[in-house]
């Protein structure tokens, strides 16, 4: 996998696959590796379960904004 960091703009990476294939583990390792190169960053795992709770999407939005904007 080659990522061209430093080219400017917003970087988004999509990872998809069947359940249990290690997507969250891969995403977490990648996040740990490159997050220090950004002014603001946030890693959220288990989005499906968290978003289905009452107020889940709003809480996720708040968490992202809080972590990115500090």
PDB file of N, CA and C in Angstrom:
ATOM      1  N   UNK A   1       0.849  -1.165   0.000  1.00  0.00           N
ATOM      2  CA  UNK A   1       0.000   0.000   0.000  1.00  0.00           C
ATOM      3  C   UNK A   1       0.898   1.232   0.000  1.00  0.00           C
ATOM      4  N   UNK A   2       0.629   2.160  -0.870  1.00  0.00           N
ATOM      5  CA  UNK A   2       1.395   3.405  -0.954  1.00  0.00           C
ATOM      6  C   UNK A   2       0.461   4.572  -0.705  1.00  0.00           C
ATOM      7  N   UNK A   3       0.816   5.408   0.252  1.00  0.00           N
ATOM      8  CA  UNK A   3       0.053   6.614   0.540  1.00  0.00           C
ATOM      9  C   UNK A   3       0.955   7.803   0.280  1.00  0.00           C
ATOM     10  N   UNK A   4       0.464   8.748  -0.483  1.00  0.00           N
ATOM     11  CA  UNK A   4       1.228   9.950  -0.754  1.00  0.00           C
ATOM     12  C   UNK A   4       0.784  11.034   0.207  1.00  0.00           C
ATOM     13  N   UNK A   5       1.421  11.078   1.371  1.00  0.00           N
ATOM     14  CA  UNK A   5       1.097  12.092   2.364  1.00  0.00           C
ATOM     15  C   UNK A   5       1.828  13.376   2.017  1.00  0.00           C
ATOM     16  N   UNK A   6       1.255  14.493   2.394  1.00  0.00           N
ATOM     17  CA  UNK A   6       1.891  15.771   2.140  1.00  0.00           C
ATOM     18  C   UNK A   6       1.483  16.407   0.828  1.00  0.00           C
ATOM     19  N   UNK A   7       0.567  15.794   0.108  1.00  0.00           N
ATOM     20  CA  UNK A   7       0.117  16.354  -1.160  1.00  0.00           C
ATOM     21  C   UNK A   7      -0.966  17.408  -0.961  1.00  0.00           C
ATOM     22  N   UNK A   8      -1.373  17.644   0.297  1.00  0.00           N
ATOM     23  CA  UNK A   8      -2.380  18.658   0.589  1.00  0.00           C
ATOM     24  C   UNK A   8      -3.784  18.099   0.536  1.00  0.00           C
ATOM     25  N   UNK A   9      -4.715  18.883   1.040  1.00  0.00           N
ATOM     26  CA  UNK A   9      -6.110  18.469   0.997  1.00  0.00           C
ATOM     27  C   UNK A   9      -6.463  17.504   2.108  1.00  0.00           C
ATOM     28  N   UNK A  10      -7.599  16.870   1.959  1.00  0.00           N
ATOM     29  CA  UNK A  10      -8.131  15.955   2.955  1.00  0.00           C
ATOM     30  C   UNK A  10      -7.778  14.535   2.545  1.00  0.00           C
ATOM     31  N   UNK A  11      -7.359  13.732   3.502  1.00  0.00           N
ATOM     32  CA  UNK A  11      -7.031  12.341   3.220  1.00  0.00           C
ATOM     33  C   UNK A  11      -8.073  11.449   3.871  1.00  0.00           C
ATOM     34  N   UNK A  12      -8.648  10.565   3.075  1.00  0.00           N
ATOM     35  CA  UNK A  12      -9.612   9.613   3.597  1.00  0.00           C
ATOM     36  C   UNK A  12      -9.264   8.250   3.027  1.00  0.00           C
ATOM     37  N   UNK A  13      -9.309   7.249   3.878  1.00  0.00           N
ATOM     38  CA  UNK A  13      -8.988   5.895   3.457  1.00  0.00           C
ATOM     39  C   UNK A  13     -10.190   5.017   3.747  1.00  0.00           C
ATOM     40  N   UNK A  14     -10.610   4.240   2.783  1.00  0.00           N
ATOM     41  CA  UNK A  14     -11.720   3.314   2.966  1.00  0.00           C
ATOM     42  C   UNK A  14     -11.210   1.887   3.020  1.00  0.00           C
ATOM     43  N   UNK A  15     -11.688   1.119   3.980  1.00  0.00           N
ATOM     44  CA  UNK A  15     -11.318  -0.289   4.112  1.00  0.00           C
ATOM     45  C   UNK A  15     -12.616  -1.077   4.190  1.00  0.00           C
ATOM     46  N   UNK A  16     -12.781  -2.071   3.346  1.00  0.00           N
ATOM     47  CA  UNK A  16     -14.005  -2.856   3.386  1.00  0.00           C
ATOM     48  C   UNK A  16     -13.651  -4.336   3.287  1.00  0.00           C
ATOM     49  N   UNK A  17     -14.529  -5.154   3.763  1.00  0.00           N
ATOM     50  CA  UNK A  17     -14.334  -6.597   3.724  1.00  0.00           C
ATOM     51  C   UNK A  17     -15.352  -7.283   4.622  1.00  0.00           C
ATOM     52  N   UNK A  18     -15.293  -8.585   4.650  1.00  0.00           N
ATOM     53  CA  UNK A  18     -16.237  -9.358   5.450  1.00  0.00           C
ATOM     54  C   UNK A  18     -15.930  -9.193   6.932  1.00  0.00           C
ATOM     55  N   UNK A  19     -16.944  -9.401   7.757  1.00  0.00           N
ATOM     56  CA  UNK A  19     -16.774  -9.294   9.190  1.00  0.00           C
ATOM     57  C   UNK A  19     -15.727 -10.265   9.710  1.00  0.00           C
ATOM     58  N   UNK A  20     -14.909  -9.805  10.634  1.00  0.00           N
ATOM     59  CA  UNK A  20     -13.894 -10.668  11.230  1.00  0.00           C
ATOM     60  C   UNK A  20     -12.608 -10.781  10.445  1.00  0.00           C
ATOM     61  N   UNK A  21     -12.472  -9.986   9.379  1.00  0.00           N
ATOM     62  CA  UNK A  21     -11.270 -10.093   8.540  1.00  0.00           C
ATOM     63  C   UNK A  21     -10.140  -9.172   8.998  1.00  0.00           C
ATOM     64  N   UNK A  22     -10.351  -8.402  10.075  1.00  0.00           N
ATOM     65  CA  UNK A  22      -9.285  -7.572  10.611  1.00  0.00           C
ATOM     66  C   UNK A  22      -9.268  -6.137  10.119  1.00  0.00           C
ATOM     67  N   UNK A  23     -10.411  -5.647   9.647  1.00  0.00           N
ATOM     68  CA  UNK A  23     -10.479  -4.273   9.125  1.00  0.00           C
ATOM     69  C   UNK A  23     -10.163  -3.246  10.208  1.00  0.00           C
ATOM     70  N   UNK A  24     -10.736  -3.410  11.383  1.00  0.00           N
ATOM     71  CA  UNK A  24     -10.507  -2.450  12.460  1.00  0.00           C
ATOM     72  C   UNK A  24      -9.056  -2.499  12.925  1.00  0.00           C
ATOM     73  N   UNK A  25      -8.476  -3.677  12.999  1.00  0.00           N
ATOM     74  CA  UNK A  25      -7.072  -3.815  13.392  1.00  0.00           C
ATOM     75  C   UNK A  25      -6.168  -3.130  12.379  1.00  0.00           C
ATOM     76  N   UNK A  26      -6.424  -3.347  11.100  1.00  0.00           N
ATOM     77  CA  UNK A  26      -5.638  -2.702  10.046  1.00  0.00           C
ATOM     78  C   UNK A  26      -5.786  -1.189  10.114  1.00  0.00           C
ATOM     79  N   UNK A  27      -7.016  -0.718  10.276  1.00  0.00           N
ATOM     80  CA  UNK A  27      -7.264   0.727  10.344  1.00  0.00           C
ATOM     81  C   UNK A  27      -6.580   1.345  11.558  1.00  0.00           C
ATOM     82  N   UNK A  28      -6.618   0.673  12.689  1.00  0.00           N
ATOM     83  CA  UNK A  28      -5.989   1.180  13.900  1.00  0.00           C
ATOM     84  C   UNK A  28      -4.473   1.277  13.738  1.00  0.00           C
ATOM     85  N   UNK A  29      -3.863   0.269  13.144  1.00  0.00           N
ATOM     86  CA  UNK A  29      -2.409   0.294  12.897  1.00  0.00           C
ATOM     87  C   UNK A  29      -2.039   1.410  11.932  1.00  0.00           C
ATOM     88  N   UNK A  30      -2.810   1.574  10.882  1.00  0.00           N
ATOM     89  CA  UNK A  30      -2.557   2.636   9.917  1.00  0.00           C
ATOM     90  C   UNK A  30      -2.719   4.005  10.564  1.00  0.00           C
ATOM     91  N   UNK A  31      -3.757   4.160  11.367  1.00  0.00           N
ATOM     92  CA  UNK A  31      -3.991   5.411  12.090  1.00  0.00           C
ATOM     93  C   UNK A  31      -2.812   5.726  13.005  1.00  0.00           C
ATOM     94  N   UNK A  32      -2.369   4.747  13.774  1.00  0.00           N
ATOM     95  CA  UNK A  32      -1.232   4.954  14.673  1.00  0.00           C
ATOM     96  C   UNK A  32       0.017   5.373  13.899  1.00  0.00           C
ATOM     97  N   UNK A  33       0.174   4.830  12.705  1.00  0.00           N
ATOM     98  CA  UNK A  33       1.356   5.106  11.903  1.00  0.00           C
ATOM     99  C   UNK A  33       1.366   6.504  11.298  1.00  0.00           C
ATOM    100  N   UNK A  34       0.211   6.996  10.840  1.00  0.00           N
ATOM    101  CA  UNK A  34       0.204   8.262  10.095  1.00  0.00           C
ATOM    102  C   UNK A  34      -0.469   9.427  10.813  1.00  0.00           C
ATOM    103  N   UNK A  35      -1.146   9.199  11.938  1.00  0.00           N
ATOM    104  CA  UNK A  35      -1.925  10.270  12.565  1.00  0.00           C
ATOM    105  C   UNK A  35      -1.065  11.443  13.036  1.00  0.00           C
ATOM    106  N   UNK A  36       0.175  11.199  13.373  1.00  0.00           N
ATOM    107  CA  UNK A  36       1.053  12.273  13.836  1.00  0.00           C
ATOM    108  C   UNK A  36       1.407  13.284  12.758  1.00  0.00           C
ATOM    109  N   UNK A  37       1.100  12.973  11.525  1.00  0.00           N
ATOM    110  CA  UNK A  37       1.428  13.865  10.405  1.00  0.00           C
ATOM    111  C   UNK A  37       0.317  14.860  10.093  1.00  0.00           C
ATOM    112  N   UNK A  38      -0.754  14.828  10.880  1.00  0.00           N
ATOM    113  CA  UNK A  38      -1.902  15.689  10.634  1.00  0.00           C
ATOM    114  C   UNK A  38      -2.149  16.618  11.815  1.00  0.00           C
ATOM    115  N   UNK A  39      -2.682  17.785  11.533  1.00  0.00           N
ATOM    116  CA  UNK A  39      -3.006  18.745  12.593  1.00  0.00           C
ATOM    117  C   UNK A  39      -4.148  18.237  13.467  1.00  0.00           C
ATOM    118  N   UNK A  40      -5.123  17.611  12.866  1.00  0.00           N
ATOM    119  CA  UNK A  40      -6.259  17.078  13.599  1.00  0.00           C
ATOM    120  C   UNK A  40      -6.593  15.697  13.090  1.00  0.00           C
ATOM    121  N   UNK A  41      -6.894  14.793  13.987  1.00  0.00           N
ATOM    122  CA  UNK A  41      -7.237  13.437  13.558  1.00  0.00           C
ATOM    123  C   UNK A  41      -8.089  12.760  14.625  1.00  0.00           C
ATOM    124  N   UNK A  42      -8.780  11.717  14.223  1.00  0.00           N
ATOM    125  CA  UNK A  42      -9.665  11.010  15.145  1.00  0.00           C
ATOM    126  C   UNK A  42      -9.888   9.600  14.607  1.00  0.00           C
ATOM    127  N   UNK A  43      -9.802   8.618  15.481  1.00  0.00           N
ATOM    128  CA  UNK A  43     -10.100   7.231  15.109  1.00  0.00           C
ATOM    129  C   UNK A  43     -11.314   6.771  15.903  1.00  0.00           C
ATOM    130  N   UNK A  44     -12.312   6.304  15.203  1.00  0.00           N
ATOM    131  CA  UNK A  44     -13.508   5.765  15.842  1.00  0.00           C
ATOM    132  C   UNK A  44     -13.724   4.346  15.344  1.00  0.00           C
ATOM    133  N   UNK A  45     -13.775   3.418  16.255  1.00  0.00           N
ATOM    134  CA  UNK A  45     -14.051   2.032  15.890  1.00  0.00           C
ATOM    135  C   UNK A  45     -15.477   1.666  16.258  1.00  0.00           C
ATOM    136  N   UNK A  46     -15.957   0.587  15.700  1.00  0.00           N
ATOM    137  CA  UNK A  46     -17.281   0.041  16.007  1.00  0.00           C
ATOM    138  C   UNK A  46     -18.398   1.057  15.765  1.00  0.00           C
ATOM    139  N   UNK A  47     -18.330   1.723  14.625  1.00  0.00           N
ATOM    140  CA  UNK A  47     -19.278   2.787  14.275  1.00  0.00           C
ATOM    141  C   UNK A  47     -20.714   2.274  14.208  1.00  0.00           C
ATOM    142  N   UNK A  48     -20.909   1.118  13.632  1.00  0.00           N
ATOM    143  CA  UNK A  48     -22.278   0.605  13.453  1.00  0.00           C
ATOM    144  C   UNK A  48     -22.991   0.468  14.795  1.00  0.00           C
ATOM    145  N   UNK A  49     -22.326  -0.150  15.771  1.00  0.00           N
ATOM    146  CA  UNK A  49     -22.951  -0.359  17.080  1.00  0.00           C
ATOM    147  C   UNK A  49     -23.168   0.966  17.801  1.00  0.00           C
ATOM    148  N   UNK A  50     -22.182   1.859  17.746  1.00  0.00           N
ATOM    149  CA  UNK A  50     -22.291   3.131  18.455  1.00  0.00           C
ATOM    150  C   UNK A  50     -23.333   4.045  17.821  1.00  0.00           C
ATOM    151  N   UNK A  51     -23.448   4.018  16.515  1.00  0.00           N
ATOM    152  CA  UNK A  51     -24.398   4.917  15.840  1.00  0.00           C
ATOM    153  C   UNK A  51     -25.845   4.470  16.014  1.00  0.00           C
ATOM    154  N   UNK A  52     -26.072   3.195  16.315  1.00  0.00           N
ATOM    155  CA  UNK A  52     -27.447   2.705  16.436  1.00  0.00           C
ATOM    156  C   UNK A  52     -28.052   2.995  17.816  1.00  0.00           C
ATOM    157  N   UNK A  53     -27.238   3.446  18.764  1.00  0.00           N
ATOM    158  CA  UNK A  53     -27.756   3.791  20.082  1.00  0.00           C
ATOM    159  C   UNK A  53     -28.482   5.132  20.014  1.00  0.00           C
ATOM    160  N   UNK A  54     -29.304   5.424  21.007  1.00  0.00           N
ATOM    161  CA  UNK A  54     -30.037   6.690  21.062  1.00  0.00           C
ATOM    162  C   UNK A  54     -29.032   7.840  21.097  1.00  0.00           C
ATOM    163  N   UNK A  55     -29.171   8.763  20.163  1.00  0.00           N
ATOM    164  CA  UNK A  55     -28.261   9.906  20.082  1.00  0.00           C
ATOM    165  C   UNK A  55     -26.882   9.532  19.580  1.00  0.00           C
ATOM    166  N   UNK A  56     -26.745   8.332  19.050  1.00  0.00           N
ATOM    167  CA  UNK A  56     -25.445   7.808  18.647  1.00  0.00           C
ATOM    168  C   UNK A  56     -24.718   8.632  17.606  1.00  0.00           C
ATOM    169  N   UNK A  57     -25.412   9.014  16.541  1.00  0.00           N
ATOM    170  CA  UNK A  57     -24.750   9.776  15.479  1.00  0.00           C
ATOM    171  C   UNK A  57     -24.312  11.155  15.964  1.00  0.00           C
ATOM    172  N   UNK A  58     -25.132  11.787  16.760  1.00  0.00           N
ATOM    173  CA  UNK A  58     -24.772  13.104  17.297  1.00  0.00           C
ATOM    174  C   UNK A  58     -23.558  12.977  18.214  1.00  0.00           C
ATOM    175  N   UNK A  59     -23.538  11.947  19.047  1.00  0.00           N
ATOM    176  CA  UNK A  59     -22.396  11.740  19.939  1.00  0.00           C
ATOM    177  C   UNK A  59     -21.119  11.466  19.147  1.00  0.00           C
ATOM    178  N   UNK A  60     -21.229  10.705  18.066  1.00  0.00           N
ATOM    179  CA  UNK A  60     -20.062  10.443  17.227  1.00  0.00           C
ATOM    180  C   UNK A  60     -19.568  11.723  16.567  1.00  0.00           C
ATOM    181  N   UNK A  61     -20.487  12.542  16.087  1.00  0.00           N
ATOM    182  CA  UNK A  61     -20.106  13.835  15.500  1.00  0.00           C
ATOM    183  C   UNK A  61     -19.390  14.703  16.521  1.00  0.00           C
ATOM    184  N   UNK A  62     -19.935  14.770  17.714  1.00  0.00           N
ATOM    185  CA  UNK A  62     -19.324  15.580  18.768  1.00  0.00           C
ATOM    186  C   UNK A  62     -17.923  15.074  19.105  1.00  0.00           C
ATOM    187  N   UNK A  63     -17.768  13.756  19.164  1.00  0.00           N
ATOM    188  CA  UNK A  63     -16.469  13.172  19.486  1.00  0.00           C
ATOM    189  C   UNK A  63     -15.446  13.503  18.394  1.00  0.00           C
ATOM    190  N   UNK A  64     -15.851  13.400  17.145  1.00  0.00           N
ATOM    191  CA  UNK A  64     -14.951  13.723  16.037  1.00  0.00           C
ATOM    192  C   UNK A  64     -14.541  15.193  16.105  1.00  0.00           C
ATOM    193  N   UNK A  65     -15.518  16.085  16.246  1.00  0.00           N
ATOM    194  CA  UNK A  65     -15.201  17.513  16.297  1.00  0.00           C
ATOM    195  C   UNK A  65     -14.319  17.853  17.483  1.00  0.00           C
ATOM    196  N   UNK A  66     -14.594  17.274  18.631  1.00  0.00           N
ATOM    197  CA  UNK A  66     -13.808  17.549  19.833  1.00  0.00           C
ATOM    198  C   UNK A  66     -12.364  17.105  19.632  1.00  0.00           C
ATOM    199  N   UNK A  67     -12.179  15.906  19.101  1.00  0.00           N
ATOM    200  CA  UNK A  67     -10.819  15.378  18.928  1.00  0.00           C
ATOM    201  C   UNK A  67     -10.046  16.083  17.815  1.00  0.00           C
ATOM    202  N   UNK A  68     -10.726  16.425  16.731  1.00  0.00           N
ATOM    203  CA  UNK A  68     -10.036  17.076  15.606  1.00  0.00           C
ATOM    204  C   UNK A  68      -9.704  18.523  15.930  1.00  0.00           C
ATOM    205  N   UNK A  69     -10.655  19.222  16.542  1.00  0.00           N
ATOM    206  CA  UNK A  69     -10.444  20.652  16.817  1.00  0.00           C
ATOM    207  C   UNK A  69      -9.774  20.903  18.151  1.00  0.00           C
ATOM    208  N   UNK A  70      -9.775  19.932  19.019  1.00  0.00           N
ATOM    209  CA  UNK A  70      -9.181  20.020  20.366  1.00  0.00           C
ATOM    210  C   UNK A  70      -9.734  21.221  21.093  1.00  0.00           C
TER     211      UNK A  70
END
